[in-house]
PDB file of N, CA and C in Angstrom:
ATOM      1  N   UNK A   1       4.702   8.613   7.040  1.00  0.00           N
ATOM      2  CA  UNK A   1       5.680   9.189   8.065  1.00  0.00           C
ATOM      3  C   UNK A   1       6.688  10.315   7.305  1.00  0.00           C
ATOM      4  N   UNK A   2       6.957  11.122   7.813  1.00  0.00           N
ATOM      5  CA  UNK A   2       7.699  11.938   7.773  1.00  0.00           C
ATOM      6  C   UNK A   2       8.540  13.091   8.618  1.00  0.00           C
ATOM      7  N   UNK A   3       9.442  13.723   8.306  1.00  0.00           N
ATOM      8  CA  UNK A   3      10.335  14.538   8.914  1.00  0.00           C
ATOM      9  C   UNK A   3       9.340  16.063   8.848  1.00  0.00           C
ATOM     10  N   UNK A   4       9.222  16.602  10.020  1.00  0.00           N
ATOM     11  CA  UNK A   4       8.952  17.872   9.873  1.00  0.00           C
ATOM     12  C   UNK A   4      10.390  18.831  10.406  1.00  0.00           C
ATOM     13  N   UNK A   5      10.791  19.370   9.464  1.00  0.00           N
ATOM     14  CA  UNK A   5      11.973  20.092   9.979  1.00  0.00           C
ATOM     15  C   UNK A   5      11.863  21.566   9.532  1.00  0.00           C
ATOM     16  N   UNK A   6      12.261  22.388  10.667  1.00  0.00           N
ATOM     17  CA  UNK A   6      12.182  23.673  10.582  1.00  0.00           C
ATOM     18  C   UNK A   6      13.282  24.425  11.243  1.00  0.00           C
ATOM     19  N   UNK A   7      13.681  25.552  11.000  1.00  0.00           N
ATOM     20  CA  UNK A   7      14.587  26.705  11.823  1.00  0.00           C
ATOM     21  C   UNK A   7      13.678  27.331  12.712  1.00  0.00           C
ATOM     22  N   UNK A   8      14.307  27.383  13.878  1.00  0.00           N
ATOM     23  CA  UNK A   8      14.087  28.070  15.015  1.00  0.00           C
ATOM     24  C   UNK A   8      14.754  29.112  15.779  1.00  0.00           C
ATOM     25  N   UNK A   9      14.273  30.089  16.271  1.00  0.00           N
ATOM     26  CA  UNK A   9      15.188  31.160  17.043  1.00  0.00           C
ATOM     27  C   UNK A   9      16.511  30.392  17.955  1.00  0.00           C
ATOM     28  N   UNK A  10      17.319  30.691  17.976  1.00  0.00           N
ATOM     29  CA  UNK A  10      18.303  30.146  18.984  1.00  0.00           C
ATOM     30  C   UNK A  10      18.030  30.453  20.682  1.00  0.00           C
ATOM     31  N   UNK A  11      17.284  31.637  20.684  1.00  0.00           N
ATOM     32  CA  UNK A  11      17.228  31.991  21.917  1.00  0.00           C
ATOM     33  C   UNK A  11      15.677  31.756  22.536  1.00  0.00           C
ATOM     34  N   UNK A  12      14.723  32.005  21.631  1.00  0.00           N
ATOM     35  CA  UNK A  12      13.217  31.927  22.239  1.00  0.00           C
ATOM     36  C   UNK A  12      12.906  30.510  21.862  1.00  0.00           C
ATOM     37  N   UNK A  13      13.407  29.930  20.797  1.00  0.00           N
ATOM     38  CA  UNK A  13      13.199  28.515  20.556  1.00  0.00           C
ATOM     39  C   UNK A  13      11.925  28.591  19.772  1.00  0.00           C
ATOM     40  N   UNK A  14      11.373  29.740  19.318  1.00  0.00           N
ATOM     41  CA  UNK A  14      10.094  29.687  18.256  1.00  0.00           C
ATOM     42  C   UNK A  14      10.672  29.527  16.722  1.00  0.00           C
ATOM     43  N   UNK A  15       9.560  28.628  16.217  1.00  0.00           N
ATOM     44  CA  UNK A  15       9.886  28.895  14.882  1.00  0.00           C
ATOM     45  C   UNK A  15       9.993  30.194  14.158  1.00  0.00           C
ATOM     46  N   UNK A  16      10.904  30.133  13.219  1.00  0.00           N
ATOM     47  CA  UNK A  16      11.329  31.227  12.632  1.00  0.00           C
ATOM     48  C   UNK A  16      10.331  31.881  11.356  1.00  0.00           C
ATOM     49  N   UNK A  17       9.823  32.810  11.324  1.00  0.00           N
ATOM     50  CA  UNK A  17       9.042  33.212  10.063  1.00  0.00           C
ATOM     51  C   UNK A  17       9.903  33.777   9.199  1.00  0.00           C
ATOM     52  N   UNK A  18       9.657  33.967   7.703  1.00  0.00           N
ATOM     53  CA  UNK A  18      10.108  34.337   6.590  1.00  0.00           C
ATOM     54  C   UNK A  18       9.657  35.901   6.191  1.00  0.00           C
ATOM     55  N   UNK A  19      10.176  36.589   5.567  1.00  0.00           N
ATOM     56  CA  UNK A  19       9.880  38.068   5.198  1.00  0.00           C
ATOM     57  C   UNK A  19       8.394  37.474   4.220  1.00  0.00           C
ATOM     58  N   UNK A  20       8.317  36.637   3.409  1.00  0.00           N
ATOM     59  CA  UNK A  20       6.927  36.118   2.752  1.00  0.00           C
ATOM     60  C   UNK A  20       6.886  34.910   2.704  1.00  0.00           C
ATOM     61  N   UNK A  21       5.552  34.047   2.430  1.00  0.00           N
ATOM     62  CA  UNK A  21       5.344  33.112   2.670  1.00  0.00           C
ATOM     63  C   UNK A  21       6.054  32.299   1.476  1.00  0.00           C
ATOM     64  N   UNK A  22       6.584  30.920   1.580  1.00  0.00           N
ATOM     65  CA  UNK A  22       7.286  30.108   0.741  1.00  0.00           C
ATOM     66  C   UNK A  22       6.341  29.354   0.171  1.00  0.00           C
ATOM     67  N   UNK A  23       6.325  28.704  -1.169  1.00  0.00           N
ATOM     68  CA  UNK A  23       5.468  27.727  -1.576  1.00  0.00           C
ATOM     69  C   UNK A  23       6.445  26.529  -2.012  1.00  0.00           C
ATOM     70  N   UNK A  24       7.400  25.904  -1.027  1.00  0.00           N
ATOM     71  CA  UNK A  24       8.092  24.899  -1.241  1.00  0.00           C
ATOM     72  C   UNK A  24       6.854  23.646  -0.976  1.00  0.00           C
ATOM     73  N   UNK A  25       7.023  22.705  -1.788  1.00  0.00           N
ATOM     74  CA  UNK A  25       6.204  21.699  -1.407  1.00  0.00           C
ATOM     75  C   UNK A  25       6.827  20.229  -0.940  1.00  0.00           C
ATOM     76  N   UNK A  26       6.437  19.768   0.211  1.00  0.00           N
ATOM     77  CA  UNK A  26       7.103  18.434   0.604  1.00  0.00           C
ATOM     78  C   UNK A  26       5.812  17.570   0.870  1.00  0.00           C
ATOM     79  N   UNK A  27       5.888  16.459   1.734  1.00  0.00           N
ATOM     80  CA  UNK A  27       4.786  15.595   1.850  1.00  0.00           C
ATOM     81  C   UNK A  27       3.626  16.387   2.393  1.00  0.00           C
ATOM     82  N   UNK A  28       3.718  17.492   3.015  1.00  0.00           N
ATOM     83  CA  UNK A  28       2.659  18.448   3.255  1.00  0.00           C
ATOM     84  C   UNK A  28       2.867  19.722   2.949  1.00  0.00           C
ATOM     85  N   UNK A  29       2.028  20.448   2.711  1.00  0.00           N
ATOM     86  CA  UNK A  29       2.110  22.076   2.304  1.00  0.00           C
ATOM     87  C   UNK A  29       1.051  22.836   2.683  1.00  0.00           C
ATOM     88  N   UNK A  30       1.276  24.102   2.706  1.00  0.00           N
ATOM     89  CA  UNK A  30       0.158  25.127   2.993  1.00  0.00           C
ATOM     90  C   UNK A  30      -0.175  25.897   1.897  1.00  0.00           C
ATOM     91  N   UNK A  31      -1.664  25.619   1.697  1.00  0.00           N
ATOM     92  CA  UNK A  31      -2.177  26.527   0.459  1.00  0.00           C
ATOM     93  C   UNK A  31      -1.922  27.913   0.564  1.00  0.00           C
ATOM     94  N   UNK A  32      -1.590  28.893  -0.351  1.00  0.00           N
ATOM     95  CA  UNK A  32      -1.052  30.213   0.036  1.00  0.00           C
ATOM     96  C   UNK A  32       0.272  30.195   0.462  1.00  0.00           C
ATOM     97  N   UNK A  33       0.972  29.371   0.565  1.00  0.00           N
ATOM     98  CA  UNK A  33       2.419  29.518   0.978  1.00  0.00           C
ATOM     99  C   UNK A  33       2.522  29.288   2.519  1.00  0.00           C
ATOM    100  N   UNK A  34       3.798  28.908   2.913  1.00  0.00           N
ATOM    101  CA  UNK A  34       4.161  28.684   4.562  1.00  0.00           C
ATOM    102  C   UNK A  34       4.732  29.945   4.838  1.00  0.00           C
ATOM    103  N   UNK A  35       4.388  30.547   5.817  1.00  0.00           N
ATOM    104  CA  UNK A  35       5.180  31.718   6.495  1.00  0.00           C
ATOM    105  C   UNK A  35       6.312  31.307   7.202  1.00  0.00           C
ATOM    106  N   UNK A  36       6.506  30.101   7.601  1.00  0.00           N
ATOM    107  CA  UNK A  36       7.468  29.511   8.488  1.00  0.00           C
ATOM    108  C   UNK A  36       8.652  29.078   7.772  1.00  0.00           C
ATOM    109  N   UNK A  37      10.082  29.016   8.144  1.00  0.00           N
ATOM    110  CA  UNK A  37      10.960  28.370   7.662  1.00  0.00           C
ATOM    111  C   UNK A  37      10.791  26.949   7.971  1.00  0.00           C
ATOM    112  N   UNK A  38      10.080  26.229   7.101  1.00  0.00           N
ATOM    113  CA  UNK A  38       9.602  24.782   7.729  1.00  0.00           C
ATOM    114  C   UNK A  38       9.481  23.941   6.267  1.00  0.00           C
ATOM    115  N   UNK A  39       9.939  22.691   6.325  1.00  0.00           N
ATOM    116  CA  UNK A  39       9.406  21.771   5.197  1.00  0.00           C
ATOM    117  C   UNK A  39       9.245  20.610   5.686  1.00  0.00           C
ATOM    118  N   UNK A  40       8.118  19.722   5.098  1.00  0.00           N
ATOM    119  CA  UNK A  40       7.740  18.539   5.484  1.00  0.00           C
ATOM    120  C   UNK A  40       8.467  17.434   4.381  1.00  0.00           C
ATOM    121  N   UNK A  41       9.260  16.367   4.977  1.00  0.00           N
ATOM    122  CA  UNK A  41       9.972  15.828   3.964  1.00  0.00           C
ATOM    123  C   UNK A  41       9.768  14.178   4.232  1.00  0.00           C
ATOM    124  N   UNK A  42       9.067  13.578   3.183  1.00  0.00           N
ATOM    125  CA  UNK A  42       8.936  11.993   3.549  1.00  0.00           C
ATOM    126  C   UNK A  42      10.092  11.125   3.970  1.00  0.00           C
ATOM    127  N   UNK A  43       9.843  10.074   4.762  1.00  0.00           N
ATOM    128  CA  UNK A  43      10.862   9.245   5.070  1.00  0.00           C
ATOM    129  C   UNK A  43      11.338   8.317   4.020  1.00  0.00           C
ATOM    130  N   UNK A  44      10.458   8.193   2.843  1.00  0.00           N
ATOM    131  CA  UNK A  44      10.930   7.513   2.005  1.00  0.00           C
ATOM    132  C   UNK A  44      12.339   7.827   1.401  1.00  0.00           C
ATOM    133  N   UNK A  45      12.813   9.081   1.569  1.00  0.00           N
ATOM    134  CA  UNK A  45      13.984   9.538   0.992  1.00  0.00           C
ATOM    135  C   UNK A  45      15.170   9.052   1.880  1.00  0.00           C
ATOM    136  N   UNK A  46      15.104   8.581   3.003  1.00  0.00           N
ATOM    137  CA  UNK A  46      15.861   8.265   4.205  1.00  0.00           C
ATOM    138  C   UNK A  46      17.392   7.596   3.367  1.00  0.00           C
ATOM    139  N   UNK A  47      17.104   6.448   2.551  1.00  0.00           N
ATOM    140  CA  UNK A  47      18.308   5.877   2.193  1.00  0.00           C
ATOM    141  C   UNK A  47      19.397   6.812   1.373  1.00  0.00           C
ATOM    142  N   UNK A  48      18.736   7.985   0.848  1.00  0.00           N
ATOM    143  CA  UNK A  48      19.646   9.016   0.245  1.00  0.00           C
ATOM    144  C   UNK A  48      20.160  10.023   1.023  1.00  0.00           C
ATOM    145  N   UNK A  49      19.763   9.896   2.504  1.00  0.00           N
ATOM    146  CA  UNK A  49      20.256  10.909   3.228  1.00  0.00           C
ATOM    147  C   UNK A  49      21.500  10.130   4.135  1.00  0.00           C
ATOM    148  N   UNK A  50      21.788   9.013   4.015  1.00  0.00           N
ATOM    149  CA  UNK A  50      22.603   8.293   4.709  1.00  0.00           C
ATOM    150  C   UNK A  50      24.150   8.986   4.607  1.00  0.00           C
ATOM    151  N   UNK A  51      24.400   9.586   3.678  1.00  0.00           N
ATOM    152  CA  UNK A  51      25.849  10.302   3.705  1.00  0.00           C
ATOM    153  C   UNK A  51      25.944  11.401   4.483  1.00  0.00           C
ATOM    154  N   UNK A  52      24.814  11.753   4.837  1.00  0.00           N
ATOM    155  CA  UNK A  52      24.888  13.131   5.983  1.00  0.00           C
ATOM    156  C   UNK A  52      25.435  12.417   7.172  1.00  0.00           C
ATOM    157  N   UNK A  53      25.405  11.222   7.220  1.00  0.00           N
ATOM    158  CA  UNK A  53      25.723  10.627   8.652  1.00  0.00           C
ATOM    159  C   UNK A  53      24.989   9.600   9.364  1.00  0.00           C
ATOM    160  N   UNK A  54      25.180   9.258  10.433  1.00  0.00           N
ATOM    161  CA  UNK A  54      24.312   8.213  10.972  1.00  0.00           C
ATOM    162  C   UNK A  54      23.185   8.403  11.270  1.00  0.00           C
ATOM    163  N   UNK A  55      22.831   9.808  11.639  1.00  0.00           N
ATOM    164  CA  UNK A  55      21.619  10.351  11.983  1.00  0.00           C
ATOM    165  C   UNK A  55      20.675  10.568  10.412  1.00  0.00           C
ATOM    166  N   UNK A  56      21.485  10.605   9.579  1.00  0.00           N
ATOM    167  CA  UNK A  56      20.634  10.848   8.220  1.00  0.00           C
ATOM    168  C   UNK A  56      20.166  12.382   7.939  1.00  0.00           C
ATOM    169  N   UNK A  57      19.067  12.532   7.855  1.00  0.00           N
ATOM    170  CA  UNK A  57      18.634  14.187   7.606  1.00  0.00           C
ATOM    171  C   UNK A  57      18.702  14.765   9.218  1.00  0.00           C
ATOM    172  N   UNK A  58      18.625  14.304  10.243  1.00  0.00           N
ATOM    173  CA  UNK A  58      18.720  14.549  11.539  1.00  0.00           C
ATOM    174  C   UNK A  58      20.129  15.435  12.015  1.00  0.00           C
ATOM    175  N   UNK A  59      21.048  14.868  11.061  1.00  0.00           N
ATOM    176  CA  UNK A  59      22.354  15.593  11.255  1.00  0.00           C
ATOM    177  C   UNK A  59      22.566  16.749  11.428  1.00  0.00           C
ATOM    178  N   UNK A  60      21.528  17.593  10.616  1.00  0.00           N
ATOM    179  CA  UNK A  60      21.396  19.215  10.553  1.00  0.00           C
ATOM    180  C   UNK A  60      20.826  19.652  11.715  1.00  0.00           C
ATOM    181  N   UNK A  61      20.083  18.696  12.590  1.00  0.00           N
ATOM    182  CA  UNK A  61      19.363  19.317  13.740  1.00  0.00           C
ATOM    183  C   UNK A  61      20.720  19.735  14.744  1.00  0.00           C
ATOM    184  N   UNK A  62      20.239  21.110  15.514  1.00  0.00           N
ATOM    185  CA  UNK A  62      21.168  21.761  16.274  1.00  0.00           C
ATOM    186  C   UNK A  62      22.127  22.430  15.292  1.00  0.00           C
ATOM    187  N   UNK A  63      22.208  22.584  14.063  1.00  0.00           N
ATOM    188  CA  UNK A  63      23.317  23.340  13.378  1.00  0.00           C
ATOM    189  C   UNK A  63      22.479  24.672  12.833  1.00  0.00           C
ATOM    190  N   UNK A  64      23.101  25.599  12.743  1.00  0.00           N
ATOM    191  CA  UNK A  64      22.662  26.980  12.374  1.00  0.00           C
ATOM    192  C   UNK A  64      22.331  26.586  10.679  1.00  0.00           C
ATOM    193  N   UNK A  65      21.492  27.476  10.281  1.00  0.00           N
ATOM    194  CA  UNK A  65      21.248  27.491   8.936  1.00  0.00           C
ATOM    195  C   UNK A  65      22.618  27.656   8.218  1.00  0.00           C
ATOM    196  N   UNK A  66      23.299  28.608   8.522  1.00  0.00           N
ATOM    197  CA  UNK A  66      24.610  29.070   7.741  1.00  0.00           C
ATOM    198  C   UNK A  66      25.468  27.618   7.872  1.00  0.00           C
ATOM    199  N   UNK A  67      25.639  27.119   8.994  1.00  0.00           N
ATOM    200  CA  UNK A  67      26.487  25.758   8.927  1.00  0.00           C
ATOM    201  C   UNK A  67      25.763  24.585   8.282  1.00  0.00           C
ATOM    202  N   UNK A  68      24.761  24.686   8.160  1.00  0.00           N
ATOM    203  CA  UNK A  68      24.125  23.212   7.269  1.00  0.00           C
ATOM    204  C   UNK A  68      24.295  23.368   5.859  1.00  0.00           C
ATOM    205  N   UNK A  69      24.519  24.631   5.045  1.00  0.00           N
ATOM    206  CA  UNK A  69      24.269  24.879   3.815  1.00  0.00           C
ATOM    207  C   UNK A  69      25.365  23.827   3.092  1.00  0.00           C
ATOM    208  N   UNK A  70      26.771  23.946   3.492  1.00  0.00           N
ATOM    209  CA  UNK A  70      27.661  22.913   3.265  1.00  0.00           C
ATOM    210  C   UNK A  70      27.397  21.606   3.163  1.00  0.00           C
ATOM    211  N   UNK A  71      27.038  21.135   4.555  1.00  0.00           N
ATOM    212  CA  UNK A  71      26.565  19.782   4.712  1.00  0.00           C
ATOM    213  C   UNK A  71      25.468  19.307   3.731  1.00  0.00           C
ATOM    214  N   UNK A  72      24.330  20.221   3.706  1.00  0.00           N
ATOM    215  CA  UNK A  72      23.343  19.803   2.794  1.00  0.00           C
ATOM    216  C   UNK A  72      23.659  19.749   1.322  1.00  0.00           C
ATOM    217  N   UNK A  73      24.448  20.893   0.769  1.00  0.00           N
ATOM    218  CA  UNK A  73      25.050  20.646  -0.473  1.00  0.00           C
ATOM    219  C   UNK A  73      25.936  19.599  -0.781  1.00  0.00           C
ATOM    220  N   UNK A  74      26.861  19.103  -0.057  1.00  0.00           N
ATOM    221  CA  UNK A  74      27.522  17.757  -0.235  1.00  0.00           C
ATOM    222  C   UNK A  74      26.875  16.777  -0.548  1.00  0.00           C
ATOM    223  N   UNK A  75      25.682  16.356   0.500  1.00  0.00           N
ATOM    224  CA  UNK A  75      24.922  15.300   0.048  1.00  0.00           C
ATOM    225  C   UNK A  75      24.121  15.665  -1.379  1.00  0.00           C
ATOM    226  N   UNK A  76      23.507  16.640  -1.308  1.00  0.00           N
ATOM    227  CA  UNK A  76      22.822  16.891  -2.810  1.00  0.00           C
ATOM    228  C   UNK A  76      23.901  16.659  -3.936  1.00  0.00           C
ATOM    229  N   UNK A  77      25.118  16.887  -3.856  1.00  0.00           N
ATOM    230  CA  UNK A  77      26.054  17.037  -5.114  1.00  0.00           C
ATOM    231  C   UNK A  77      26.088  15.416  -5.212  1.00  0.00           C
ATOM    232  N   UNK A  78      26.053  14.363  -4.222  1.00  0.00           N
ATOM    233  CA  UNK A  78      26.085  13.177  -4.495  1.00  0.00           C
ATOM    234  C   UNK A  78      24.858  12.490  -5.189  1.00  0.00           C
ATOM    235  N   UNK A  79      23.773  13.287  -5.365  1.00  0.00           N
ATOM    236  CA  UNK A  79      22.443  12.387  -5.765  1.00  0.00           C
ATOM    237  C   UNK A  79      22.365  12.785  -7.352  1.00  0.00           C
ATOM    238  N   UNK A  80      21.616  11.936  -7.981  1.00  0.00           N
ATOM    239  CA  UNK A  80      21.206  12.097  -9.194  1.00  0.00           C
ATOM    240  C   UNK A  80      20.091  13.354  -9.604  1.00  0.00           C
ATOM    241  N   UNK A  81      19.809  13.574 -10.771  1.00  0.00           N
ATOM    242  CA  UNK A  81      18.887  14.382 -11.288  1.00  0.00           C
ATOM    243  C   UNK A  81      17.312  14.012 -11.496  1.00  0.00           C
ATOM    244  N   UNK A  82      16.955  12.430 -11.228  1.00  0.00           N
ATOM    245  CA  UNK A  82      15.736  11.770 -11.495  1.00  0.00           C
ATOM    246  C   UNK A  82      14.518  12.262 -10.768  1.00  0.00           C
ATOM    247  N   UNK A  83      14.141  13.460 -10.820  1.00  0.00           N
ATOM    248  CA  UNK A  83      13.020  13.902 -10.327  1.00  0.00           C
ATOM    249  C   UNK A  83      12.003  13.130 -10.776  1.00  0.00           C
ATOM    250  N   UNK A  84      11.143  12.601 -10.047  1.00  0.00           N
ATOM    251  CA  UNK A  84       9.670  11.989 -10.465  1.00  0.00           C
ATOM    252  C   UNK A  84       8.446  13.096 -10.171  1.00  0.00           C
ATOM    253  N   UNK A  85       7.545  12.898 -11.037  1.00  0.00           N
ATOM    254  CA  UNK A  85       6.331  13.690 -10.595  1.00  0.00           C
ATOM    255  C   UNK A  85       5.786  13.124  -9.314  1.00  0.00           C
ATOM    256  N   UNK A  86       5.901  11.831  -9.029  1.00  0.00           N
ATOM    257  CA  UNK A  86       5.386  11.030  -7.911  1.00  0.00           C
ATOM    258  C   UNK A  86       6.430  11.447  -6.666  1.00  0.00           C
ATOM    259  N   UNK A  87       5.930  12.494  -6.036  1.00  0.00           N
ATOM    260  CA  UNK A  87       6.611  13.052  -4.510  1.00  0.00           C
ATOM    261  C   UNK A  87       7.263  11.764  -3.771  1.00  0.00           C
ATOM    262  N   UNK A  88       6.402  10.943  -3.827  1.00  0.00           N
ATOM    263  CA  UNK A  88       6.616   9.822  -2.771  1.00  0.00           C
ATOM    264  C   UNK A  88       7.655   9.083  -3.181  1.00  0.00           C
ATOM    265  N   UNK A  89       7.970   8.752  -4.372  1.00  0.00           N
ATOM    266  CA  UNK A  89       9.013   7.951  -5.159  1.00  0.00           C
ATOM    267  C   UNK A  89      10.450   8.311  -4.588  1.00  0.00           C
ATOM    268  N   UNK A  90      10.984   7.334  -4.051  1.00  0.00           N
ATOM    269  CA  UNK A  90      12.374   7.679  -3.341  1.00  0.00           C
ATOM    270  C   UNK A  90      13.468   7.636  -4.406  1.00  0.00           C
ATOM    271  N   UNK A  91      13.261   8.617  -5.332  1.00  0.00           N
ATOM    272  CA  UNK A  91      14.302   8.755  -6.214  1.00  0.00           C
ATOM    273  C   UNK A  91      15.342   9.404  -5.831  1.00  0.00           C
ATOM    274  N   UNK A  92      16.613   9.400  -6.145  1.00  0.00           N
ATOM    275  CA  UNK A  92      17.755  10.523  -5.813  1.00  0.00           C
ATOM    276  C   UNK A  92      17.390  11.950  -6.163  1.00  0.00           C
ATOM    277  N   UNK A  93      16.608  11.754  -7.425  1.00  0.00           N
ATOM    278  CA  UNK A  93      16.337  13.424  -7.616  1.00  0.00           C
ATOM    279  C   UNK A  93      15.512  14.107  -6.814  1.00  0.00           C
ATOM    280  N   UNK A  94      14.309  13.077  -6.483  1.00  0.00           N
ATOM    281  CA  UNK A  94      13.307  13.653  -5.399  1.00  0.00           C
ATOM    282  C   UNK A  94      14.033  14.078  -4.019  1.00  0.00           C
ATOM    283  N   UNK A  95      14.565  13.228  -3.457  1.00  0.00           N
ATOM    284  CA  UNK A  95      15.601  13.442  -2.306  1.00  0.00           C
ATOM    285  C   UNK A  95      16.493  14.708  -2.664  1.00  0.00           C
ATOM    286  N   UNK A  96      17.181  14.988  -3.683  1.00  0.00           N
ATOM    287  CA  UNK A  96      17.956  16.403  -3.788  1.00  0.00           C
ATOM    288  C   UNK A  96      17.031  17.331  -3.935  1.00  0.00           C
ATOM    289  N   UNK A  97      15.823  17.169  -4.362  1.00  0.00           N
ATOM    290  CA  UNK A  97      15.119  18.342  -4.632  1.00  0.00           C
ATOM    291  C   UNK A  97      14.718  18.609  -2.954  1.00  0.00           C
ATOM    292  N   UNK A  98      14.549  17.872  -2.215  1.00  0.00           N
ATOM    293  CA  UNK A  98      14.070  18.354  -0.815  1.00  0.00           C
ATOM    294  C   UNK A  98      15.162  18.973  -0.123  1.00  0.00           C
ATOM    295  N   UNK A  99      16.532  18.445  -0.628  1.00  0.00           N
ATOM    296  CA  UNK A  99      17.858  18.998   0.018  1.00  0.00           C
ATOM    297  C   UNK A  99      18.019  20.527  -0.320  1.00  0.00           C
ATOM    298  N   UNK A 100      17.863  20.556  -1.637  1.00  0.00           N
ATOM    299  CA  UNK A 100      18.079  22.194  -2.218  1.00  0.00           C
ATOM    300  C   UNK A 100      16.862  22.871  -1.460  1.00  0.00           C
ATOM    301  N   UNK A 101      15.524  22.492  -1.216  1.00  0.00           N
ATOM    302  CA  UNK A 101      14.740  23.374  -0.511  1.00  0.00           C
ATOM    303  C   UNK A 101      15.085  23.635   0.964  1.00  0.00           C
ATOM    304  N   UNK A 102      15.713  22.747   1.475  1.00  0.00           N
ATOM    305  CA  UNK A 102      16.374  23.227   2.813  1.00  0.00           C
ATOM    306  C   UNK A 102      17.334  24.027   2.911  1.00  0.00           C
ATOM    307  N   UNK A 103      18.409  23.748   1.733  1.00  0.00           N
ATOM    308  CA  UNK A 103      19.383  24.854   1.559  1.00  0.00           C
ATOM    309  C   UNK A 103      18.810  26.296   1.325  1.00  0.00           C
ATOM    310  N   UNK A 104      17.834  26.364   0.394  1.00  0.00           N
ATOM    311  CA  UNK A 104      17.270  27.721   0.351  1.00  0.00           C
ATOM    312  C   UNK A 104      16.604  28.288   1.598  1.00  0.00           C
ATOM    313  N   UNK A 105      15.885  27.484   2.314  1.00  0.00           N
ATOM    314  CA  UNK A 105      15.414  27.845   3.743  1.00  0.00           C
ATOM    315  C   UNK A 105      16.670  28.410   4.733  1.00  0.00           C
ATOM    316  N   UNK A 106      17.754  27.740   4.729  1.00  0.00           N
ATOM    317  CA  UNK A 106      18.916  28.028   5.407  1.00  0.00           C
ATOM    318  C   UNK A 106      19.680  29.121   4.998  1.00  0.00           C
ATOM    319  N   UNK A 107      19.222  29.637   3.677  1.00  0.00           N
ATOM    320  CA  UNK A 107      19.921  30.852   2.930  1.00  0.00           C
ATOM    321  C   UNK A 107      19.176  32.067   3.307  1.00  0.00           C
ATOM    322  N   UNK A 108      17.790  31.778   3.547  1.00  0.00           N
ATOM    323  CA  UNK A 108      16.872  32.678   3.803  1.00  0.00           C
ATOM    324  C   UNK A 108      17.031  33.031   5.311  1.00  0.00           C
ATOM    325  N   UNK A 109      17.351  32.294   6.222  1.00  0.00           N
ATOM    326  CA  UNK A 109      17.396  32.389   7.684  1.00  0.00           C
ATOM    327  C   UNK A 109      18.585  31.668   8.308  1.00  0.00           C
ATOM    328  N   UNK A 110      19.848  31.982   7.626  1.00  0.00           N
ATOM    329  CA  UNK A 110      21.341  31.488   8.333  1.00  0.00           C
ATOM    330  C   UNK A 110      21.456  31.601   9.653  1.00  0.00           C
ATOM    331  N   UNK A 111      20.643  32.341  10.552  1.00  0.00           N
ATOM    332  CA  UNK A 111      20.508  32.684  11.914  1.00  0.00           C
ATOM    333  C   UNK A 111      19.938  31.568  12.551  1.00  0.00           C
ATOM    334  N   UNK A 112      18.914  30.844  11.901  1.00  0.00           N
ATOM    335  CA  UNK A 112      18.136  30.090  12.666  1.00  0.00           C
ATOM    336  C   UNK A 112      18.827  28.817  12.956  1.00  0.00           C
ATOM    337  N   UNK A 113      18.344  27.804  14.013  1.00  0.00           N
ATOM    338  CA  UNK A 113      18.809  26.452  14.408  1.00  0.00           C
ATOM    339  C   UNK A 113      17.873  25.360  13.822  1.00  0.00           C
ATOM    340  N   UNK A 114      18.439  24.448  13.414  1.00  0.00           N
ATOM    341  CA  UNK A 114      17.375  23.415  12.837  1.00  0.00           C
ATOM    342  C   UNK A 114      16.798  22.578  13.669  1.00  0.00           C
ATOM    343  N   UNK A 115      15.614  22.315  13.883  1.00  0.00           N
ATOM    344  CA  UNK A 115      14.895  20.978  14.458  1.00  0.00           C
ATOM    345  C   UNK A 115      13.966  20.393  13.982  1.00  0.00           C
ATOM    346  N   UNK A 116      13.332  19.525  14.199  1.00  0.00           N
ATOM    347  CA  UNK A 116      12.496  18.744  13.820  1.00  0.00           C
ATOM    348  C   UNK A 116      11.844  17.431  14.228  1.00  0.00           C
ATOM    349  N   UNK A 117      11.346  17.054  13.507  1.00  0.00           N
ATOM    350  CA  UNK A 117      10.692  15.683  13.666  1.00  0.00           C
ATOM    351  C   UNK A 117       9.157  15.285  13.774  1.00  0.00           C
TER     352      UNK A 117
END
């Protein structure tokens, strides 16, 4: 199980495209890079997202990329750096890496609105 999190156009509701495909890897990823502002994040990290609020990572849904940066950074700053080669292992570092990737997407498309599941 996982979250499919993406930025969409606030008017058309279409998923936003990036200037060039990104190579961020989540639970799933696209060979050759993903052209969308999208990241798949495993549910295994849920416990580390609780500081975002009751909804966990879903707290950013409905926020613009710009609005979400401070929220995501505050959560990431509370987590350790113990990244494990096993993506699925729910370490603080692995969860933090996912948050930092979402921040990168938000910085690329601050105009977009987060949605997902």
